[in-house]
Amino acid sequence: MKQDKLIRDPKQMNALTLAYMGDAVLEVRVRQHLIAAGEVKPNLLQRAAVRYVSAKAQAGIVSGIWERLTEEEQAVLRRGRNAKSATMPKNARVADYRLSTGFEALLGFLYLTGQEERLDEILSYSLDWVEKTNE
């Protein structure tokens, strides 16, 4: 997907801006995955997608990938986790919500810095992790 040229270096962006982008990246990847797997009914697609994008799932993914992250990636994730958000989680624990924000910030950072191979590696691990835990 073609990206517009950024005015600002992603390393200097607000962590919640990175998380905003990361949320979109994750949504697209999950939807591609579900459609490729043969899910076609919209209501089933939505229900299946929630398993992948919930704060609880993302917090679990973070615990599984933390040791595999570079120092820079861990720092981005921590920035996202520690960012002050104006919204509170509706159906999640605050700790899980914060970790999921950190995870989304990492995905947004990787996307905006053009690290597509690394982004794909982390997303593939994430999809596999969710599938294994939901068997």
N, C-alpha and C. Protein backbone atom coordinates (compact mmCIF):
# COMPACT_ATOMS: atom_id res chain seq x y z
N MET A 1 0.84 -1.17 0.00
CA MET A 1 0.00 0.00 0.00
C MET A 1 0.89 1.25 0.00
N LYS A 2 0.61 2.17 -0.89
CA LYS A 2 1.40 3.40 -1.00
C LYS A 2 1.13 4.30 0.20
N GLN A 3 2.22 4.86 0.74
CA GLN A 3 2.10 5.78 1.87
C GLN A 3 2.41 7.20 1.41
N ASP A 4 1.72 8.16 1.99
CA ASP A 4 2.06 9.56 1.77
C ASP A 4 3.36 9.85 2.51
N LYS A 5 4.12 10.81 2.00
CA LYS A 5 5.36 11.20 2.67
C LYS A 5 5.00 11.86 4.00
N LEU A 6 5.68 11.43 5.04
CA LEU A 6 5.42 11.97 6.38
C LEU A 6 6.13 13.30 6.59
N ILE A 7 5.44 14.21 7.24
CA ILE A 7 6.02 15.50 7.59
C ILE A 7 6.89 15.34 8.83
N ARG A 8 6.52 14.41 9.67
CA ARG A 8 7.17 14.23 10.96
C ARG A 8 7.78 12.84 11.07
N ASP A 9 8.91 12.74 11.73
CA ASP A 9 9.57 11.46 11.98
C ASP A 9 8.72 10.66 12.97
N PRO A 10 8.37 9.41 12.64
CA PRO A 10 7.56 8.59 13.55
C PRO A 10 8.17 8.45 14.95
N LYS A 11 9.49 8.56 15.06
CA LYS A 11 10.14 8.47 16.37
C LYS A 11 9.75 9.64 17.26
N GLN A 12 9.31 10.74 16.64
CA GLN A 12 8.93 11.93 17.39
C GLN A 12 7.42 12.07 17.56
N MET A 13 6.66 11.14 17.00
CA MET A 13 5.20 11.23 17.07
C MET A 13 4.67 10.82 18.43
N ASN A 14 3.53 11.38 18.76
CA ASN A 14 2.82 11.01 19.97
C ASN A 14 2.50 9.52 19.92
N ALA A 15 2.66 8.82 21.03
CA ALA A 15 2.42 7.38 21.07
C ALA A 15 0.99 7.02 20.71
N LEU A 16 0.03 7.87 21.06
CA LEU A 16 -1.36 7.58 20.72
C LEU A 16 -1.63 7.74 19.23
N THR A 17 -0.85 8.60 18.56
CA THR A 17 -0.94 8.71 17.10
C THR A 17 -0.43 7.43 16.46
N LEU A 18 0.67 6.91 16.98
CA LEU A 18 1.20 5.64 16.48
C LEU A 18 0.19 4.52 16.71
N ALA A 19 -0.44 4.51 17.88
CA ALA A 19 -1.44 3.48 18.20
C ALA A 19 -2.65 3.59 17.27
N TYR A 20 -3.03 4.79 16.93
CA TYR A 20 -4.14 5.02 16.00
C TYR A 20 -3.84 4.35 14.66
N MET A 21 -2.61 4.55 14.18
CA MET A 21 -2.20 3.93 12.91
C MET A 21 -2.10 2.42 13.07
N GLY A 22 -1.53 1.98 14.18
CA GLY A 22 -1.37 0.54 14.43
C GLY A 22 -2.68 -0.19 14.52
N ASP A 23 -3.69 0.45 15.09
CA ASP A 23 -5.02 -0.15 15.17
C ASP A 23 -5.55 -0.44 13.76
N ALA A 24 -5.37 0.51 12.86
CA ALA A 24 -5.83 0.34 11.48
C ALA A 24 -5.05 -0.76 10.77
N VAL A 25 -3.75 -0.80 10.98
CA VAL A 25 -2.91 -1.83 10.36
C VAL A 25 -3.35 -3.21 10.83
N LEU A 26 -3.58 -3.35 12.12
CA LEU A 26 -4.01 -4.64 12.67
C LEU A 26 -5.37 -5.04 12.12
N GLU A 27 -6.30 -4.11 12.07
CA GLU A 27 -7.64 -4.41 11.54
C GLU A 27 -7.58 -4.93 10.11
N VAL A 28 -6.80 -4.27 9.27
CA VAL A 28 -6.68 -4.70 7.87
C VAL A 28 -6.08 -6.10 7.79
N ARG A 29 -5.01 -6.34 8.54
CA ARG A 29 -4.34 -7.65 8.50
C ARG A 29 -5.26 -8.76 8.99
N VAL A 30 -6.00 -8.51 10.06
CA VAL A 30 -6.92 -9.51 10.60
C VAL A 30 -8.03 -9.79 9.59
N ARG A 31 -8.57 -8.76 8.98
CA ARG A 31 -9.64 -8.95 7.99
C ARG A 31 -9.13 -9.74 6.79
N GLN A 32 -7.93 -9.43 6.32
CA GLN A 32 -7.34 -10.20 5.22
C GLN A 32 -7.22 -11.67 5.60
N HIS A 33 -6.73 -11.91 6.80
CA HIS A 33 -6.52 -13.27 7.30
C HIS A 33 -7.84 -14.04 7.36
N LEU A 34 -8.86 -13.43 7.90
CA LEU A 34 -10.16 -14.11 8.04
C LEU A 34 -10.80 -14.40 6.68
N ILE A 35 -10.72 -13.44 5.78
CA ILE A 35 -11.30 -13.66 4.45
C ILE A 35 -10.52 -14.74 3.70
N ALA A 36 -9.19 -14.72 3.82
CA ALA A 36 -8.37 -15.75 3.17
C ALA A 36 -8.68 -17.14 3.73
N ALA A 37 -9.08 -17.19 5.01
CA ALA A 37 -9.40 -18.47 5.65
C ALA A 37 -10.80 -18.96 5.29
N GLY A 38 -11.55 -18.15 4.53
CA GLY A 38 -12.85 -18.59 4.06
C GLY A 38 -14.05 -18.02 4.78
N GLU A 39 -13.82 -17.16 5.78
CA GLU A 39 -14.95 -16.51 6.45
C GLU A 39 -15.54 -15.48 5.49
N VAL A 40 -16.85 -15.55 5.27
CA VAL A 40 -17.45 -14.60 4.32
C VAL A 40 -18.69 -13.89 4.84
N LYS A 41 -19.31 -14.41 5.87
CA LYS A 41 -20.52 -13.77 6.39
C LYS A 41 -20.11 -12.62 7.31
N PRO A 42 -20.60 -11.40 7.03
CA PRO A 42 -20.17 -10.23 7.81
C PRO A 42 -20.31 -10.37 9.32
N ASN A 43 -21.42 -10.93 9.81
CA ASN A 43 -21.56 -11.03 11.27
C ASN A 43 -20.56 -12.03 11.85
N LEU A 44 -20.25 -13.09 11.12
CA LEU A 44 -19.23 -14.04 11.58
C LEU A 44 -17.84 -13.44 11.49
N LEU A 45 -17.61 -12.66 10.46
CA LEU A 45 -16.31 -11.98 10.32
C LEU A 45 -16.05 -11.07 11.52
N GLN A 46 -17.06 -10.30 11.88
CA GLN A 46 -16.89 -9.36 12.99
C GLN A 46 -16.62 -10.10 14.30
N ARG A 47 -17.39 -11.15 14.55
CA ARG A 47 -17.19 -11.92 15.78
C ARG A 47 -15.80 -12.56 15.82
N ALA A 48 -15.38 -13.09 14.69
CA ALA A 48 -14.06 -13.71 14.62
C ALA A 48 -12.96 -12.67 14.80
N ALA A 49 -13.14 -11.49 14.22
CA ALA A 49 -12.13 -10.44 14.31
C ALA A 49 -11.89 -10.00 15.75
N VAL A 50 -12.94 -9.97 16.54
CA VAL A 50 -12.82 -9.53 17.94
C VAL A 50 -11.82 -10.40 18.70
N ARG A 51 -11.75 -11.68 18.37
CA ARG A 51 -10.79 -12.57 19.05
C ARG A 51 -9.36 -12.09 18.84
N TYR A 52 -9.09 -11.46 17.71
CA TYR A 52 -7.73 -11.03 17.37
C TYR A 52 -7.41 -9.62 17.86
N VAL A 53 -8.41 -8.76 17.91
CA VAL A 53 -8.13 -7.34 18.17
C VAL A 53 -8.52 -6.89 19.58
N SER A 54 -9.01 -7.80 20.40
CA SER A 54 -9.40 -7.40 21.76
C SER A 54 -8.16 -7.03 22.58
N ALA A 55 -8.37 -6.19 23.57
CA ALA A 55 -7.27 -5.79 24.45
C ALA A 55 -6.67 -7.01 25.14
N LYS A 56 -7.50 -7.94 25.54
CA LYS A 56 -7.01 -9.15 26.21
C LYS A 56 -6.09 -9.95 25.29
N ALA A 57 -6.48 -10.12 24.04
CA ALA A 57 -5.65 -10.86 23.08
C ALA A 57 -4.33 -10.13 22.84
N GLN A 58 -4.40 -8.82 22.66
CA GLN A 58 -3.18 -8.06 22.39
C GLN A 58 -2.24 -8.07 23.59
N ALA A 59 -2.78 -8.04 24.79
CA ALA A 59 -1.93 -8.11 25.99
C ALA A 59 -1.22 -9.47 26.04
N GLY A 60 -1.92 -10.52 25.68
CA GLY A 60 -1.31 -11.85 25.63
C GLY A 60 -0.21 -11.93 24.58
N ILE A 61 -0.46 -11.32 23.44
CA ILE A 61 0.54 -11.30 22.38
C ILE A 61 1.80 -10.59 22.86
N VAL A 62 1.63 -9.47 23.54
CA VAL A 62 2.78 -8.71 24.06
C VAL A 62 3.62 -9.58 24.98
N SER A 63 2.98 -10.34 25.86
CA SER A 63 3.76 -11.19 26.77
C SER A 63 4.53 -12.25 25.99
N GLY A 64 3.99 -12.69 24.86
CA GLY A 64 4.66 -13.70 24.06
C GLY A 64 5.79 -13.17 23.19
N ILE A 65 5.73 -11.90 22.81
CA ILE A 65 6.76 -11.37 21.90
C ILE A 65 7.79 -10.48 22.59
N TRP A 66 7.54 -10.10 23.83
CA TRP A 66 8.40 -9.11 24.49
C TRP A 66 9.89 -9.42 24.34
N GLU A 67 10.28 -10.65 24.62
CA GLU A 67 11.71 -11.02 24.57
C GLU A 67 12.25 -11.00 23.14
N ARG A 68 11.39 -11.07 22.16
CA ARG A 68 11.82 -11.09 20.75
C ARG A 68 11.95 -9.68 20.17
N LEU A 69 11.52 -8.68 20.92
CA LEU A 69 11.56 -7.30 20.42
C LEU A 69 12.94 -6.69 20.63
N THR A 70 13.30 -5.79 19.72
CA THR A 70 14.54 -5.04 19.89
C THR A 70 14.34 -4.01 21.00
N GLU A 71 15.43 -3.40 21.45
CA GLU A 71 15.32 -2.36 22.48
C GLU A 71 14.45 -1.20 21.99
N GLU A 72 14.64 -0.83 20.73
CA GLU A 72 13.84 0.27 20.17
C GLU A 72 12.35 -0.10 20.15
N GLU A 73 12.03 -1.32 19.75
CA GLU A 73 10.64 -1.76 19.70
C GLU A 73 10.03 -1.81 21.10
N GLN A 74 10.81 -2.28 22.08
CA GLN A 74 10.33 -2.29 23.47
C GLN A 74 10.06 -0.87 23.95
N ALA A 75 10.93 0.05 23.58
CA ALA A 75 10.76 1.45 24.00
C ALA A 75 9.48 2.05 23.40
N VAL A 76 9.22 1.75 22.14
CA VAL A 76 7.99 2.25 21.50
C VAL A 76 6.77 1.65 22.19
N LEU A 77 6.82 0.35 22.46
CA LEU A 77 5.70 -0.32 23.12
C LEU A 77 5.46 0.28 24.51
N ARG A 78 6.54 0.54 25.25
CA ARG A 78 6.40 1.15 26.58
C ARG A 78 5.81 2.55 26.48
N ARG A 79 6.25 3.32 25.49
CA ARG A 79 5.68 4.67 25.29
C ARG A 79 4.18 4.59 25.08
N GLY A 80 3.75 3.65 24.27
CA GLY A 80 2.32 3.48 24.02
C GLY A 80 1.58 3.02 25.26
N ARG A 81 2.18 2.10 25.98
CA ARG A 81 1.56 1.58 27.21
C ARG A 81 1.39 2.69 28.25
N ASN A 82 2.36 3.57 28.33
CA ASN A 82 2.36 4.62 29.35
C ASN A 82 1.65 5.90 28.93
N ALA A 83 1.20 5.97 27.69
CA ALA A 83 0.53 7.18 27.19
C ALA A 83 -0.78 7.41 27.93
N LYS A 84 -1.06 8.66 28.18
CA LYS A 84 -2.31 9.03 28.87
C LYS A 84 -3.43 9.14 27.85
N SER A 85 -4.38 8.25 27.94
CA SER A 85 -5.51 8.23 27.00
C SER A 85 -6.72 8.87 27.65
N ALA A 86 -7.51 9.56 26.84
CA ALA A 86 -8.73 10.20 27.35
C ALA A 86 -9.86 9.20 27.50
N THR A 87 -9.71 8.03 26.89
CA THR A 87 -10.78 7.02 26.96
C THR A 87 -10.39 5.91 27.91
N MET A 88 -11.39 5.29 28.48
CA MET A 88 -11.18 4.15 29.36
C MET A 88 -11.80 2.92 28.71
N PRO A 89 -11.23 1.75 28.99
CA PRO A 89 -11.76 0.54 28.38
C PRO A 89 -13.16 0.21 28.87
N LYS A 90 -13.98 -0.30 27.94
CA LYS A 90 -15.35 -0.68 28.30
C LYS A 90 -15.41 -2.14 28.75
N ASN A 91 -14.74 -3.00 28.01
CA ASN A 91 -14.84 -4.43 28.27
C ASN A 91 -13.49 -5.08 28.52
N ALA A 92 -12.57 -4.33 29.11
CA ALA A 92 -11.23 -4.86 29.32
C ALA A 92 -10.65 -4.33 30.62
N ARG A 93 -9.69 -5.06 31.14
CA ARG A 93 -8.95 -4.58 32.30
C ARG A 93 -8.06 -3.42 31.85
N VAL A 94 -7.83 -2.47 32.73
CA VAL A 94 -7.01 -1.30 32.39
C VAL A 94 -5.61 -1.74 31.98
N ALA A 95 -5.03 -2.70 32.68
CA ALA A 95 -3.68 -3.17 32.35
C ALA A 95 -3.63 -3.75 30.94
N ASP A 96 -4.64 -4.54 30.57
CA ASP A 96 -4.69 -5.11 29.22
C ASP A 96 -4.87 -4.01 28.18
N TYR A 97 -5.71 -3.05 28.48
CA TYR A 97 -5.98 -1.94 27.56
C TYR A 97 -4.69 -1.15 27.29
N ARG A 98 -3.93 -0.92 28.34
CA ARG A 98 -2.68 -0.16 28.19
C ARG A 98 -1.66 -0.95 27.37
N LEU A 99 -1.56 -2.26 27.64
CA LEU A 99 -0.64 -3.08 26.85
C LEU A 99 -1.07 -3.12 25.39
N SER A 100 -2.37 -3.19 25.15
CA SER A 100 -2.84 -3.23 23.76
C SER A 100 -2.55 -1.91 23.06
N THR A 101 -2.64 -0.80 23.78
CA THR A 101 -2.28 0.49 23.20
C THR A 101 -0.80 0.50 22.84
N GLY A 102 0.02 -0.05 23.70
CA GLY A 102 1.45 -0.16 23.42
C GLY A 102 1.73 -1.02 22.20
N PHE A 103 1.02 -2.14 22.10
CA PHE A 103 1.18 -3.04 20.96
C PHE A 103 0.78 -2.33 19.66
N GLU A 104 -0.34 -1.63 19.70
CA GLU A 104 -0.79 -0.90 18.51
C GLU A 104 0.19 0.22 18.16
N ALA A 105 0.78 0.87 19.15
CA ALA A 105 1.79 1.90 18.89
C ALA A 105 2.99 1.28 18.17
N LEU A 106 3.40 0.10 18.60
CA LEU A 106 4.51 -0.60 17.94
C LEU A 106 4.17 -0.90 16.48
N LEU A 107 2.96 -1.41 16.24
CA LEU A 107 2.56 -1.72 14.87
C LEU A 107 2.53 -0.45 14.01
N GLY A 108 2.01 0.63 14.57
CA GLY A 108 1.98 1.90 13.84
C GLY A 108 3.38 2.41 13.54
N PHE A 109 4.27 2.29 14.50
CA PHE A 109 5.66 2.72 14.32
C PHE A 109 6.32 1.93 13.20
N LEU A 110 6.17 0.61 13.24
CA LEU A 110 6.80 -0.23 12.21
C LEU A 110 6.24 0.11 10.83
N TYR A 111 4.94 0.32 10.76
CA TYR A 111 4.32 0.66 9.48
C TYR A 111 4.83 2.01 8.96
N LEU A 112 4.82 3.02 9.82
CA LEU A 112 5.19 4.37 9.39
C LEU A 112 6.68 4.52 9.10
N THR A 113 7.50 3.65 9.67
CA THR A 113 8.94 3.69 9.39
C THR A 113 9.31 2.76 8.24
N GLY A 114 8.32 2.14 7.62
CA GLY A 114 8.57 1.30 6.45
C GLY A 114 9.20 -0.04 6.74
N GLN A 115 9.11 -0.50 7.97
CA GLN A 115 9.69 -1.79 8.35
C GLN A 115 8.68 -2.91 8.10
N GLU A 116 8.32 -3.07 6.83
CA GLU A 116 7.24 -3.99 6.47
C GLU A 116 7.55 -5.45 6.79
N GLU A 117 8.79 -5.86 6.59
CA GLU A 117 9.16 -7.25 6.87
C GLU A 117 9.01 -7.56 8.37
N ARG A 118 9.48 -6.66 9.20
CA ARG A 118 9.37 -6.85 10.66
C ARG A 118 7.91 -6.78 11.09
N LEU A 119 7.16 -5.86 10.52
CA LEU A 119 5.74 -5.73 10.82
C LEU A 119 5.02 -7.03 10.48
N ASP A 120 5.31 -7.59 9.31
CA ASP A 120 4.66 -8.83 8.90
C ASP A 120 5.04 -9.98 9.83
N GLU A 121 6.29 -10.00 10.27
CA GLU A 121 6.75 -11.04 11.20
C GLU A 121 5.95 -10.98 12.51
N ILE A 122 5.80 -9.79 13.05
CA ILE A 122 5.07 -9.63 14.32
C ILE A 122 3.58 -9.93 14.12
N LEU A 123 3.01 -9.48 13.02
CA LEU A 123 1.59 -9.76 12.77
C LEU A 123 1.34 -11.25 12.56
N SER A 124 2.23 -11.93 11.86
CA SER A 124 2.08 -13.38 11.67
C SER A 124 2.14 -14.10 13.00
N TYR A 125 3.10 -13.72 13.85
CA TYR A 125 3.19 -14.32 15.18
C TYR A 125 1.90 -14.07 15.95
N SER A 126 1.38 -12.87 15.85
CA SER A 126 0.16 -12.49 16.58
C SER A 126 -1.03 -13.33 16.16
N LEU A 127 -1.21 -13.49 14.86
CA LEU A 127 -2.33 -14.31 14.36
C LEU A 127 -2.19 -15.75 14.83
N ASP A 128 -0.96 -16.28 14.75
CA ASP A 128 -0.72 -17.66 15.21
C ASP A 128 -1.01 -17.79 16.70
N TRP A 129 -0.59 -16.80 17.49
CA TRP A 129 -0.79 -16.86 18.94
C TRP A 129 -2.28 -16.91 19.27
N VAL A 130 -3.06 -16.06 18.63
CA VAL A 130 -4.50 -16.04 18.89
C VAL A 130 -5.14 -17.37 18.50
N GLU A 131 -4.75 -17.91 17.36
CA GLU A 131 -5.33 -19.18 16.92
C GLU A 131 -4.98 -20.31 17.88
N LYS A 132 -3.75 -20.34 18.36
CA LYS A 132 -3.35 -21.40 19.30
C LYS A 132 -4.08 -21.28 20.63
N THR A 133 -4.30 -20.07 21.09
CA THR A 133 -4.97 -19.90 22.38
C THR A 133 -6.48 -20.09 22.29
N ASN A 134 -7.02 -20.07 21.08
CA ASN A 134 -8.47 -20.25 20.91
C ASN A 134 -8.84 -21.63 20.38
N GLU A 135 -7.89 -22.55 20.36
CA GLU A 135 -8.20 -23.91 19.88
C GLU A 135 -9.06 -24.66 20.86
